[in-house]
Amino acid sequence: MQCVFVQIKTALGRAYDVADALAQREVASEIYSTSGEYDLMAKFYIEDEEDIGHFVNRNLHDIAGIERTFTTLTFKAF
């Protein structure tokens, strides 16, 4: 499995709605509210053979209130 972090920029005032919608899908390991340019950060464990772009498109981009995402791939946990 590969670990991927996705930062999520939401429409103004929609961070909690987006976090709730994402949590209901039960695809994220963890979801955090954050400060700065992005409003949320979610941690996902994705099967090695899964296409990350398709996973993000399928599971995040159709949630109302998401304006933009930024995906970070990880290599090794210490």
PDB file of N, CA and C in Angstrom:
ATOM      1  N   MET A   1       0.848  -1.182   0.000  1.00  0.00           N
ATOM      2  CA  MET A   1       0.000   0.000   0.000  1.00  0.00           C
ATOM      3  C   MET A   1       0.885   1.234   0.000  1.00  0.00           C
ATOM      4  N   GLN A   2       0.371   2.270  -0.621  1.00  0.00           N
ATOM      5  CA  GLN A   2       1.077   3.549  -0.611  1.00  0.00           C
ATOM      6  C   GLN A   2       0.278   4.580   0.168  1.00  0.00           C
ATOM      7  N   CYS A   3       1.003   5.435   0.880  1.00  0.00           N
ATOM      8  CA  CYS A   3       0.380   6.479   1.677  1.00  0.00           C
ATOM      9  C   CYS A   3       0.420   7.780   0.892  1.00  0.00           C
ATOM     10  N   VAL A   4      -0.724   8.444   0.808  1.00  0.00           N
ATOM     11  CA  VAL A   4      -0.856   9.688   0.055  1.00  0.00           C
ATOM     12  C   VAL A   4      -1.569  10.705   0.943  1.00  0.00           C
ATOM     13  N   PHE A   5      -1.063  11.929   0.951  1.00  0.00           N
ATOM     14  CA  PHE A   5      -1.724  13.020   1.646  1.00  0.00           C
ATOM     15  C   PHE A   5      -2.326  13.959   0.612  1.00  0.00           C
ATOM     16  N   VAL A   6      -3.562  14.391   0.838  1.00  0.00           N
ATOM     17  CA  VAL A   6      -4.213  15.339  -0.070  1.00  0.00           C
ATOM     18  C   VAL A   6      -4.642  16.550   0.749  1.00  0.00           C
ATOM     19  N   GLN A   7      -4.133  17.713   0.352  1.00  0.00           N
ATOM     20  CA  GLN A   7      -4.569  18.970   0.950  1.00  0.00           C
ATOM     21  C   GLN A   7      -5.756  19.474   0.142  1.00  0.00           C
ATOM     22  N   ILE A   8      -6.746  20.013   0.818  1.00  0.00           N
ATOM     23  CA  ILE A   8      -8.002  20.382   0.172  1.00  0.00           C
ATOM     24  C   ILE A   8      -8.336  21.832   0.467  1.00  0.00           C
ATOM     25  N   LYS A   9      -8.535  22.610  -0.585  1.00  0.00           N
ATOM     26  CA  LYS A   9      -9.013  23.992  -0.477  1.00  0.00           C
ATOM     27  C   LYS A   9     -10.516  23.957  -0.692  1.00  0.00           C
ATOM     28  N   THR A  10     -11.273  24.514   0.264  1.00  0.00           N
ATOM     29  CA  THR A  10     -12.727  24.491   0.155  1.00  0.00           C
ATOM     30  C   THR A  10     -13.269  25.890  -0.109  1.00  0.00           C
ATOM     31  N   ALA A  11     -14.504  25.951  -0.541  1.00  0.00           N
ATOM     32  CA  ALA A  11     -15.205  27.228  -0.652  1.00  0.00           C
ATOM     33  C   ALA A  11     -15.341  27.807   0.748  1.00  0.00           C
ATOM     34  N   LEU A  12     -15.414  29.108   0.827  1.00  0.00           N
ATOM     35  CA  LEU A  12     -15.501  29.797   2.115  1.00  0.00           C
ATOM     36  C   LEU A  12     -16.650  29.241   2.958  1.00  0.00           C
ATOM     37  N   GLY A  13     -16.327  28.825   4.176  1.00  0.00           N
ATOM     38  CA  GLY A  13     -17.333  28.316   5.100  1.00  0.00           C
ATOM     39  C   GLY A  13     -17.763  26.884   4.867  1.00  0.00           C
ATOM     40  N   ARG A  14     -17.093  26.153   3.986  1.00  0.00           N
ATOM     41  CA  ARG A  14     -17.517  24.790   3.645  1.00  0.00           C
ATOM     42  C   ARG A  14     -16.593  23.701   4.181  1.00  0.00           C
ATOM     43  N   ALA A  15     -15.565  24.044   4.933  1.00  0.00           N
ATOM     44  CA  ALA A  15     -14.580  23.047   5.370  1.00  0.00           C
ATOM     45  C   ALA A  15     -15.220  21.911   6.164  1.00  0.00           C
ATOM     46  N   TYR A  16     -16.112  22.234   7.094  1.00  0.00           N
ATOM     47  CA  TYR A  16     -16.731  21.179   7.905  1.00  0.00           C
ATOM     48  C   TYR A  16     -17.669  20.319   7.068  1.00  0.00           C
ATOM     49  N   ASP A  17     -18.380  20.917   6.129  1.00  0.00           N
ATOM     50  CA  ASP A  17     -19.252  20.141   5.239  1.00  0.00           C
ATOM     51  C   ASP A  17     -18.434  19.171   4.395  1.00  0.00           C
ATOM     52  N   VAL A  18     -17.321  19.652   3.853  1.00  0.00           N
ATOM     53  CA  VAL A  18     -16.457  18.803   3.026  1.00  0.00           C
ATOM     54  C   VAL A  18     -15.852  17.690   3.874  1.00  0.00           C
ATOM     55  N   ALA A  19     -15.373  18.014   5.068  1.00  0.00           N
ATOM     56  CA  ALA A  19     -14.790  16.996   5.948  1.00  0.00           C
ATOM     57  C   ALA A  19     -15.823  15.927   6.301  1.00  0.00           C
ATOM     58  N   ASP A  20     -17.051  16.337   6.595  1.00  0.00           N
ATOM     59  CA  ASP A  20     -18.113  15.377   6.907  1.00  0.00           C
ATOM     60  C   ASP A  20     -18.422  14.479   5.718  1.00  0.00           C
ATOM     61  N   ALA A  21     -18.514  15.072   4.523  1.00  0.00           N
ATOM     62  CA  ALA A  21     -18.809  14.291   3.318  1.00  0.00           C
ATOM     63  C   ALA A  21     -17.700  13.286   3.042  1.00  0.00           C
ATOM     64  N   LEU A  22     -16.460  13.713   3.213  1.00  0.00           N
ATOM     65  CA  LEU A  22     -15.326  12.815   2.994  1.00  0.00           C
ATOM     66  C   LEU A  22     -15.318  11.701   4.035  1.00  0.00           C
ATOM     67  N   ALA A  23     -15.576  12.028   5.285  1.00  0.00           N
ATOM     68  CA  ALA A  23     -15.607  11.018   6.347  1.00  0.00           C
ATOM     69  C   ALA A  23     -16.693   9.973   6.084  1.00  0.00           C
ATOM     70  N   GLN A  24     -17.830  10.395   5.565  1.00  0.00           N
ATOM     71  CA  GLN A  24     -18.924   9.455   5.274  1.00  0.00           C
ATOM     72  C   GLN A  24     -18.548   8.448   4.203  1.00  0.00           C
ATOM     73  N   ARG A  25     -17.639   8.822   3.320  1.00  0.00           N
ATOM     74  CA  ARG A  25     -17.205   7.893   2.260  1.00  0.00           C
ATOM     75  C   ARG A  25     -16.276   6.805   2.789  1.00  0.00           C
ATOM     76  N   GLU A  26     -15.709   7.002   3.968  1.00  0.00           N
ATOM     77  CA  GLU A  26     -14.834   6.027   4.617  1.00  0.00           C
ATOM     78  C   GLU A  26     -13.663   5.592   3.749  1.00  0.00           C
ATOM     79  N   VAL A  27     -13.048   6.536   3.034  1.00  0.00           N
ATOM     80  CA  VAL A  27     -11.873   6.234   2.212  1.00  0.00           C
ATOM     81  C   VAL A  27     -10.604   6.838   2.806  1.00  0.00           C
ATOM     82  N   ALA A  28     -10.745   7.827   3.684  1.00  0.00           N
ATOM     83  CA  ALA A  28      -9.587   8.491   4.289  1.00  0.00           C
ATOM     84  C   ALA A  28      -9.251   7.829   5.621  1.00  0.00           C
ATOM     85  N   SER A  29      -7.963   7.671   5.870  1.00  0.00           N
ATOM     86  CA  SER A  29      -7.509   7.149   7.146  1.00  0.00           C
ATOM     87  C   SER A  29      -7.681   8.202   8.241  1.00  0.00           C
ATOM     88  N   GLU A  30      -7.335   9.455   7.898  1.00  0.00           N
ATOM     89  CA  GLU A  30      -7.445  10.570   8.836  1.00  0.00           C
ATOM     90  C   GLU A  30      -7.779  11.834   8.058  1.00  0.00           C
ATOM     91  N   ILE A  31      -8.508  12.749   8.695  1.00  0.00           N
ATOM     92  CA  ILE A  31      -8.857  14.036   8.097  1.00  0.00           C
ATOM     93  C   ILE A  31      -8.604  15.108   9.146  1.00  0.00           C
ATOM     94  N   TYR A  32      -7.851  16.126   8.768  1.00  0.00           N
ATOM     95  CA  TYR A  32      -7.506  17.211   9.686  1.00  0.00           C
ATOM     96  C   TYR A  32      -7.927  18.550   9.109  1.00  0.00           C
ATOM     97  N   SER A  33      -8.329  19.475   9.974  1.00  0.00           N
ATOM     98  CA  SER A  33      -8.456  20.861   9.555  1.00  0.00           C
ATOM     99  C   SER A  33      -7.066  21.484   9.689  1.00  0.00           C
ATOM    100  N   THR A  34      -6.732  22.407   8.800  1.00  0.00           N
ATOM    101  CA  THR A  34      -5.403  23.010   8.788  1.00  0.00           C
ATOM    102  C   THR A  34      -5.515  24.516   8.607  1.00  0.00           C
ATOM    103  N   SER A  35      -4.425  25.202   8.887  1.00  0.00           N
ATOM    104  CA  SER A  35      -4.366  26.634   8.629  1.00  0.00           C
ATOM    105  C   SER A  35      -3.493  26.850   7.396  1.00  0.00           C
ATOM    106  N   GLY A  36      -3.609  28.019   6.816  1.00  0.00           N
ATOM    107  CA  GLY A  36      -2.785  28.331   5.656  1.00  0.00           C
ATOM    108  C   GLY A  36      -3.588  28.297   4.378  1.00  0.00           C
ATOM    109  N   GLU A  37      -2.912  27.971   3.288  1.00  0.00           N
ATOM    110  CA  GLU A  37      -3.529  28.019   1.961  1.00  0.00           C
ATOM    111  C   GLU A  37      -4.632  26.975   1.785  1.00  0.00           C
ATOM    112  N   TYR A  38      -4.505  25.831   2.452  1.00  0.00           N
ATOM    113  CA  TYR A  38      -5.496  24.764   2.344  1.00  0.00           C
ATOM    114  C   TYR A  38      -6.260  24.638   3.650  1.00  0.00           C
ATOM    115  N   ASP A  39      -7.489  24.165   3.578  1.00  0.00           N
ATOM    116  CA  ASP A  39      -8.370  24.092   4.740  1.00  0.00           C
ATOM    117  C   ASP A  39      -8.369  22.735   5.425  1.00  0.00           C
ATOM    118  N   LEU A  40      -8.114  21.680   4.657  1.00  0.00           N
ATOM    119  CA  LEU A  40      -8.138  20.317   5.186  1.00  0.00           C
ATOM    120  C   LEU A  40      -6.948  19.538   4.652  1.00  0.00           C
ATOM    121  N   MET A  41      -6.556  18.497   5.386  1.00  0.00           N
ATOM    122  CA  MET A  41      -5.578  17.538   4.891  1.00  0.00           C
ATOM    123  C   MET A  41      -6.084  16.152   5.236  1.00  0.00           C
ATOM    124  N   ALA A  42      -6.070  15.276   4.252  1.00  0.00           N
ATOM    125  CA  ALA A  42      -6.543  13.910   4.452  1.00  0.00           C
ATOM    126  C   ALA A  42      -5.425  12.928   4.107  1.00  0.00           C
ATOM    127  N   LYS A  43      -5.380  11.849   4.865  1.00  0.00           N
ATOM    128  CA  LYS A  43      -4.389  10.790   4.658  1.00  0.00           C
ATOM    129  C   LYS A  43      -5.109   9.570   4.099  1.00  0.00           C
ATOM    130  N   PHE A  44      -4.557   9.026   3.019  1.00  0.00           N
ATOM    131  CA  PHE A  44      -5.154   7.868   2.362  1.00  0.00           C
ATOM    132  C   PHE A  44      -4.121   6.763   2.216  1.00  0.00           C
ATOM    133  N   TYR A  45      -4.559   5.533   2.353  1.00  0.00           N
ATOM    134  CA  TYR A  45      -3.748   4.368   2.007  1.00  0.00           C
ATOM    135  C   TYR A  45      -4.371   3.757   0.763  1.00  0.00           C
ATOM    136  N   ILE A  46      -3.583   3.704  -0.299  1.00  0.00           N
ATOM    137  CA  ILE A  46      -4.077   3.276  -1.604  1.00  0.00           C
ATOM    138  C   ILE A  46      -3.287   2.042  -2.034  1.00  0.00           C
ATOM    139  N   GLU A  47      -3.989   1.088  -2.598  1.00  0.00           N
ATOM    140  CA  GLU A  47      -3.327  -0.117  -3.115  1.00  0.00           C
ATOM    141  C   GLU A  47      -2.237   0.277  -4.115  1.00  0.00           C
ATOM    142  N   ASP A  48      -1.134  -0.480  -4.129  1.00  0.00           N
ATOM    143  CA  ASP A  48       0.004  -0.157  -4.994  1.00  0.00           C
ATOM    144  C   ASP A  48      -0.373  -0.053  -6.465  1.00  0.00           C
ATOM    145  N   GLU A  49      -1.287  -0.888  -6.909  1.00  0.00           N
ATOM    146  CA  GLU A  49      -1.636  -0.892  -8.331  1.00  0.00           C
ATOM    147  C   GLU A  49      -2.697   0.157  -8.683  1.00  0.00           C
ATOM    148  N   GLU A  50      -3.249   0.836  -7.695  1.00  0.00           N
ATOM    149  CA  GLU A  50      -4.278   1.861  -7.915  1.00  0.00           C
ATOM    150  C   GLU A  50      -3.652   3.125  -8.489  1.00  0.00           C
ATOM    151  N   ASP A  51      -4.286   3.707  -9.481  1.00  0.00           N
ATOM    152  CA  ASP A  51      -3.851   4.983 -10.050  1.00  0.00           C
ATOM    153  C   ASP A  51      -4.277   6.110  -9.111  1.00  0.00           C
ATOM    154  N   ILE A  52      -3.308   6.854  -8.590  1.00  0.00           N
ATOM    155  CA  ILE A  52      -3.594   7.888  -7.595  1.00  0.00           C
ATOM    156  C   ILE A  52      -4.494   8.977  -8.163  1.00  0.00           C
ATOM    157  N   GLY A  53      -4.235   9.404  -9.379  1.00  0.00           N
ATOM    158  CA  GLY A  53      -5.070  10.437  -9.997  1.00  0.00           C
ATOM    159  C   GLY A  53      -6.517  10.012 -10.117  1.00  0.00           C
ATOM    160  N   HIS A  54      -6.746   8.781 -10.550  1.00  0.00           N
ATOM    161  CA  HIS A  54      -8.116   8.280 -10.645  1.00  0.00           C
ATOM    162  C   HIS A  54      -8.761   8.161  -9.266  1.00  0.00           C
ATOM    163  N   PHE A  55      -7.980   7.722  -8.279  1.00  0.00           N
ATOM    164  CA  PHE A  55      -8.505   7.601  -6.919  1.00  0.00           C
ATOM    165  C   PHE A  55      -8.984   8.959  -6.402  1.00  0.00           C
ATOM    166  N   VAL A  56      -8.153   9.979  -6.564  1.00  0.00           N
ATOM    167  CA  VAL A  56      -8.514  11.324  -6.099  1.00  0.00           C
ATOM    168  C   VAL A  56      -9.732  11.838  -6.862  1.00  0.00           C
ATOM    169  N   ASN A  57      -9.739  11.670  -8.176  1.00  0.00           N
ATOM    170  CA  ASN A  57     -10.888  12.114  -8.984  1.00  0.00           C
ATOM    171  C   ASN A  57     -12.173  11.433  -8.547  1.00  0.00           C
ATOM    172  N   ARG A  58     -12.125  10.123  -8.355  1.00  0.00           N
ATOM    173  CA  ARG A  58     -13.305   9.342  -7.996  1.00  0.00           C
ATOM    174  C   ARG A  58     -13.828   9.640  -6.600  1.00  0.00           C
ATOM    175  N   ASN A  59     -12.909   9.865  -5.664  1.00  0.00           N
ATOM    176  CA  ASN A  59     -13.306   9.935  -4.266  1.00  0.00           C
ATOM    177  C   ASN A  59     -13.374  11.335  -3.666  1.00  0.00           C
ATOM    178  N   LEU A  60     -12.800  12.325  -4.335  1.00  0.00           N
ATOM    179  CA  LEU A  60     -12.795  13.670  -3.774  1.00  0.00           C
ATOM    180  C   LEU A  60     -13.428  14.724  -4.676  1.00  0.00           C
ATOM    181  N   HIS A  61     -13.098  14.703  -5.939  1.00  0.00           N
ATOM    182  CA  HIS A  61     -13.440  15.837  -6.799  1.00  0.00           C
ATOM    183  C   HIS A  61     -14.927  16.041  -7.039  1.00  0.00           C
ATOM    184  N   ASP A  62     -15.749  15.104  -6.670  1.00  0.00           N
ATOM    185  CA  ASP A  62     -17.197  15.312  -6.841  1.00  0.00           C
ATOM    186  C   ASP A  62     -17.869  15.758  -5.535  1.00  0.00           C
ATOM    187  N   ILE A  63     -17.093  16.020  -4.491  1.00  0.00           N
ATOM    188  CA  ILE A  63     -17.664  16.513  -3.234  1.00  0.00           C
ATOM    189  C   ILE A  63     -17.912  18.011  -3.360  1.00  0.00           C
ATOM    190  N   ALA A  64     -19.148  18.423  -3.127  1.00  0.00           N
ATOM    191  CA  ALA A  64     -19.511  19.838  -3.222  1.00  0.00           C
ATOM    192  C   ALA A  64     -18.710  20.649  -2.216  1.00  0.00           C
ATOM    193  N   GLY A  65     -18.155  21.758  -2.655  1.00  0.00           N
ATOM    194  CA  GLY A  65     -17.409  22.647  -1.783  1.00  0.00           C
ATOM    195  C   GLY A  65     -15.903  22.548  -1.945  1.00  0.00           C
ATOM    196  N   ILE A  66     -15.419  21.516  -2.639  1.00  0.00           N
ATOM    197  CA  ILE A  66     -13.978  21.413  -2.886  1.00  0.00           C
ATOM    198  C   ILE A  66     -13.635  22.278  -4.088  1.00  0.00           C
ATOM    199  N   GLU A  67     -12.681  23.181  -3.902  1.00  0.00           N
ATOM    200  CA  GLU A  67     -12.244  24.051  -4.989  1.00  0.00           C
ATOM    201  C   GLU A  67     -10.946  23.574  -5.636  1.00  0.00           C
ATOM    202  N   ARG A  68     -10.065  22.966  -4.817  1.00  0.00           N
ATOM    203  CA  ARG A  68      -8.758  22.580  -5.340  1.00  0.00           C
ATOM    204  C   ARG A  68      -8.154  21.545  -4.407  1.00  0.00           C
ATOM    205  N   THR A  69      -7.304  20.674  -4.967  1.00  0.00           N
ATOM    206  CA  THR A  69      -6.579  19.709  -4.146  1.00  0.00           C
ATOM    207  C   THR A  69      -5.100  19.738  -4.518  1.00  0.00           C
ATOM    208  N   PHE A  70      -4.277  19.313  -3.578  1.00  0.00           N
ATOM    209  CA  PHE A  70      -2.839  19.203  -3.781  1.00  0.00           C
ATOM    210  C   PHE A  70      -2.409  17.877  -3.178  1.00  0.00           C
ATOM    211  N   THR A  71      -1.932  16.964  -4.013  1.00  0.00           N
ATOM    212  CA  THR A  71      -1.599  15.610  -3.585  1.00  0.00           C
ATOM    213  C   THR A  71      -0.102  15.461  -3.372  1.00  0.00           C
ATOM    214  N   THR A  72       0.269  14.886  -2.222  1.00  0.00           N
ATOM    215  CA  THR A  72       1.670  14.622  -1.901  1.00  0.00           C
ATOM    216  C   THR A  72       1.863  13.120  -1.768  1.00  0.00           C
ATOM    217  N   LEU A  73       2.778  12.583  -2.561  1.00  0.00           N
ATOM    218  CA  LEU A  73       3.113  11.168  -2.481  1.00  0.00           C
ATOM    219  C   LEU A  73       4.181  10.982  -1.421  1.00  0.00           C
ATOM    220  N   THR A  74       4.154   9.868  -0.739  1.00  0.00           N
ATOM    221  CA  THR A  74       5.165   9.575   0.279  1.00  0.00           C
ATOM    222  C   THR A  74       5.994   8.384  -0.153  1.00  0.00           C
ATOM    223  N   PHE A  75       7.177   8.276   0.437  1.00  0.00           N
ATOM    224  CA  PHE A  75       8.101   7.186   0.086  1.00  0.00           C
ATOM    225  C   PHE A  75       8.343   6.249   1.258  1.00  0.00           C
ATOM    226  N   LYS A  76       8.793   6.768   2.379  1.00  0.00           N
ATOM    227  CA  LYS A  76       9.162   5.920   3.509  1.00  0.00           C
ATOM    228  C   LYS A  76       8.745   6.626   4.802  1.00  0.00           C
ATOM    229  N   ALA A  77       8.148   5.853   5.698  1.00  0.00           N
ATOM    230  CA  ALA A  77       7.807   6.377   7.020  1.00  0.00           C
ATOM    231  C   ALA A  77       8.961   6.074   7.972  1.00  0.00           C
ATOM    232  N   PHE A  78       9.279   6.999   8.829  1.00  0.00           N
ATOM    233  CA  PHE A  78      10.372   6.816   9.794  1.00  0.00           C
ATOM    234  C   PHE A  78       9.823   6.757  11.198  1.00  0.00           C
TER     235      PHE A  78
END
